[in-house]
N, C-alpha and C. Protein backbone atom coordinates (compact mmCIF):
# COMPACT_ATOMS: atom_id res chain seq x y z
N MET A 1 0.70 -1.40 0.28
CA MET A 1 -0.22 -0.39 0.21
C MET A 1 0.82 1.18 -0.04
N LYS A 2 0.55 2.21 -0.74
CA LYS A 2 1.46 3.35 -0.92
C LYS A 2 0.92 4.25 -0.26
N VAL A 3 1.31 5.26 0.49
CA VAL A 3 0.88 6.68 1.12
C VAL A 3 1.57 7.87 0.50
N ARG A 4 0.27 8.61 0.14
CA ARG A 4 0.59 9.59 -0.73
C ARG A 4 0.15 11.03 0.10
N LEU A 5 1.77 11.94 0.06
CA LEU A 5 1.49 12.86 1.22
C LEU A 5 1.14 14.01 0.86
N GLN A 6 0.18 14.83 1.44
CA GLN A 6 -0.30 16.34 0.80
C GLN A 6 0.75 17.43 1.61
N PRO A 7 0.99 18.41 0.61
CA PRO A 7 1.46 19.15 1.92
C PRO A 7 0.45 20.22 2.81
N ARG A 8 0.60 21.10 3.75
CA ARG A 8 -0.12 21.61 4.25
C ARG A 8 -0.82 22.80 3.44
N THR A 9 -1.84 22.95 3.70
CA THR A 9 -2.88 24.29 2.57
C THR A 9 -3.40 24.77 3.37
N PRO A 10 -3.45 25.77 3.41
CA PRO A 10 -4.52 27.33 4.51
C PRO A 10 -5.99 26.76 3.99
N ALA A 11 -6.40 26.29 3.12
CA ALA A 11 -7.92 26.02 3.30
C ALA A 11 -8.41 25.25 4.15
N TRP A 12 -7.41 24.16 4.47
CA TRP A 12 -7.78 23.34 5.77
C TRP A 12 -8.25 23.88 7.02
N ALA A 13 -8.14 25.02 7.50
CA ALA A 13 -8.23 25.71 8.58
C ALA A 13 -9.99 26.14 8.29
N ALA A 14 -9.84 26.94 7.19
CA ALA A 14 -11.06 27.49 6.68
C ALA A 14 -11.97 26.18 6.54
N GLU A 15 -11.79 25.20 6.23
CA GLU A 15 -12.70 23.72 5.94
C GLU A 15 -13.13 23.74 7.38
N PHE A 16 -12.66 23.64 8.20
CA PHE A 16 -13.37 23.61 9.53
C PHE A 16 -13.51 24.28 10.14
N ALA A 17 -13.35 25.80 9.88
CA ALA A 17 -14.04 26.54 10.30
C ALA A 17 -16.22 26.81 9.92
N ARG A 18 -15.74 26.21 8.52
CA ARG A 18 -17.04 26.45 7.94
C ARG A 18 -17.95 25.13 8.04
N ALA A 19 -17.22 24.02 8.94
CA ALA A 19 -17.29 22.45 9.19
C ALA A 19 -18.43 22.79 11.15
N ARG A 20 -17.28 24.55 11.34
CA ARG A 20 -17.73 23.96 12.80
C ARG A 20 -18.96 24.98 13.24
N GLY A 21 -19.19 26.14 12.23
CA GLY A 21 -20.18 26.71 11.96
C GLY A 21 -21.54 26.03 11.45
N ARG A 22 -21.57 25.04 10.76
CA ARG A 22 -22.97 24.19 10.40
C ARG A 22 -22.86 23.54 11.65
N LEU A 23 -21.91 22.56 12.83
CA LEU A 23 -22.34 22.32 13.36
C LEU A 23 -22.78 22.89 15.01
N ALA A 24 -22.43 23.61 14.95
CA ALA A 24 -23.11 25.14 15.94
C ALA A 24 -24.30 25.17 15.91
N ALA A 25 -24.49 25.43 14.43
CA ALA A 25 -25.97 25.76 13.93
C ALA A 25 -26.97 24.85 14.01
N ALA A 26 -26.32 23.26 13.84
CA ALA A 26 -27.21 22.11 14.28
C ALA A 26 -27.64 21.80 15.62
N PHE A 27 -26.48 22.30 16.44
CA PHE A 27 -26.38 21.84 17.57
C PHE A 27 -26.36 22.93 18.58
N GLY A 28 -26.39 23.80 18.47
CA GLY A 28 -26.79 25.01 19.58
C GLY A 28 -25.76 24.66 20.81
N ASP A 29 -26.57 25.19 21.60
CA ASP A 29 -26.13 24.96 23.00
C ASP A 29 -25.99 23.37 23.88
N GLU A 30 -26.15 22.53 22.64
CA GLU A 30 -26.04 20.69 23.33
C GLU A 30 -24.41 20.49 23.13
N LEU A 31 -23.88 21.13 21.90
CA LEU A 31 -22.20 20.93 22.70
C LEU A 31 -21.35 22.20 23.08
N LEU A 32 -20.31 21.41 24.23
CA LEU A 32 -19.94 21.92 24.61
C LEU A 32 -18.22 22.83 23.84
N ALA A 33 -17.87 21.77 23.30
CA ALA A 33 -16.66 22.11 22.22
C ALA A 33 -16.74 21.27 20.90
N ILE A 34 -16.20 22.44 20.11
CA ILE A 34 -15.57 21.53 18.40
C ILE A 34 -14.64 21.54 18.63
N GLU A 35 -13.42 20.62 18.37
CA GLU A 35 -12.42 20.45 17.97
C GLU A 35 -11.47 20.18 16.91
N HIS A 36 -10.80 20.19 16.89
CA HIS A 36 -9.79 20.87 15.36
C HIS A 36 -8.70 19.53 15.64
N PHE A 37 -8.67 18.14 15.36
CA PHE A 37 -7.51 17.26 15.87
C PHE A 37 -6.79 16.71 14.44
N GLY A 38 -5.92 15.93 14.46
CA GLY A 38 -5.43 15.40 13.45
C GLY A 38 -4.65 16.05 12.81
N SER A 39 -3.97 15.29 11.39
CA SER A 39 -2.45 16.33 10.81
C SER A 39 -2.99 17.50 10.65
N THR A 40 -4.35 17.47 9.82
CA THR A 40 -4.67 19.00 9.29
C THR A 40 -5.14 20.12 10.18
N ALA A 41 -4.82 19.85 11.78
CA ALA A 41 -4.87 20.49 12.38
C ALA A 41 -3.41 20.82 12.94
N VAL A 42 -2.39 20.62 12.34
CA VAL A 42 -1.65 21.12 12.72
C VAL A 42 -0.32 21.70 11.95
N GLU A 43 -0.38 22.82 12.30
CA GLU A 43 0.82 23.25 11.34
C GLU A 43 1.68 23.17 10.41
N GLY A 44 2.08 23.16 9.39
CA GLY A 44 3.27 22.97 9.02
C GLY A 44 3.24 21.03 8.91
N LEU A 45 2.20 20.08 9.21
CA LEU A 45 2.33 18.85 9.03
C LEU A 45 1.57 18.72 8.01
N PRO A 46 2.19 17.30 7.24
CA PRO A 46 1.23 17.06 6.09
C PRO A 46 0.22 16.46 5.70
N ARG A 47 -0.92 16.16 5.27
CA ARG A 47 -2.04 14.99 5.35
C ARG A 47 -1.77 13.70 5.10
N GLN A 48 -2.56 12.78 4.46
CA GLN A 48 -2.33 11.83 4.19
C GLN A 48 -3.64 11.81 3.56
N ALA A 49 -3.11 12.20 1.91
CA ALA A 49 -3.93 11.60 1.38
C ALA A 49 -5.06 10.90 0.88
N GLY A 50 -6.59 10.65 0.93
CA GLY A 50 -7.39 9.48 0.92
C GLY A 50 -8.25 9.48 -0.52
N ASP A 51 -7.63 8.71 -0.55
CA ASP A 51 -8.98 8.43 -2.00
C ASP A 51 -10.15 8.19 -2.10
């Protein structure tokens, strides 16, 4: 199995911000926090490309 890595892109932070907004709107006060974790959350770290 080959693993392909993609270099970090600022778009990942924007994608998370949009997803956070949708989740917050859907769940309102039911959520205590919405966290971004994994390789796309770490500045300078590439992510494994998914096919």
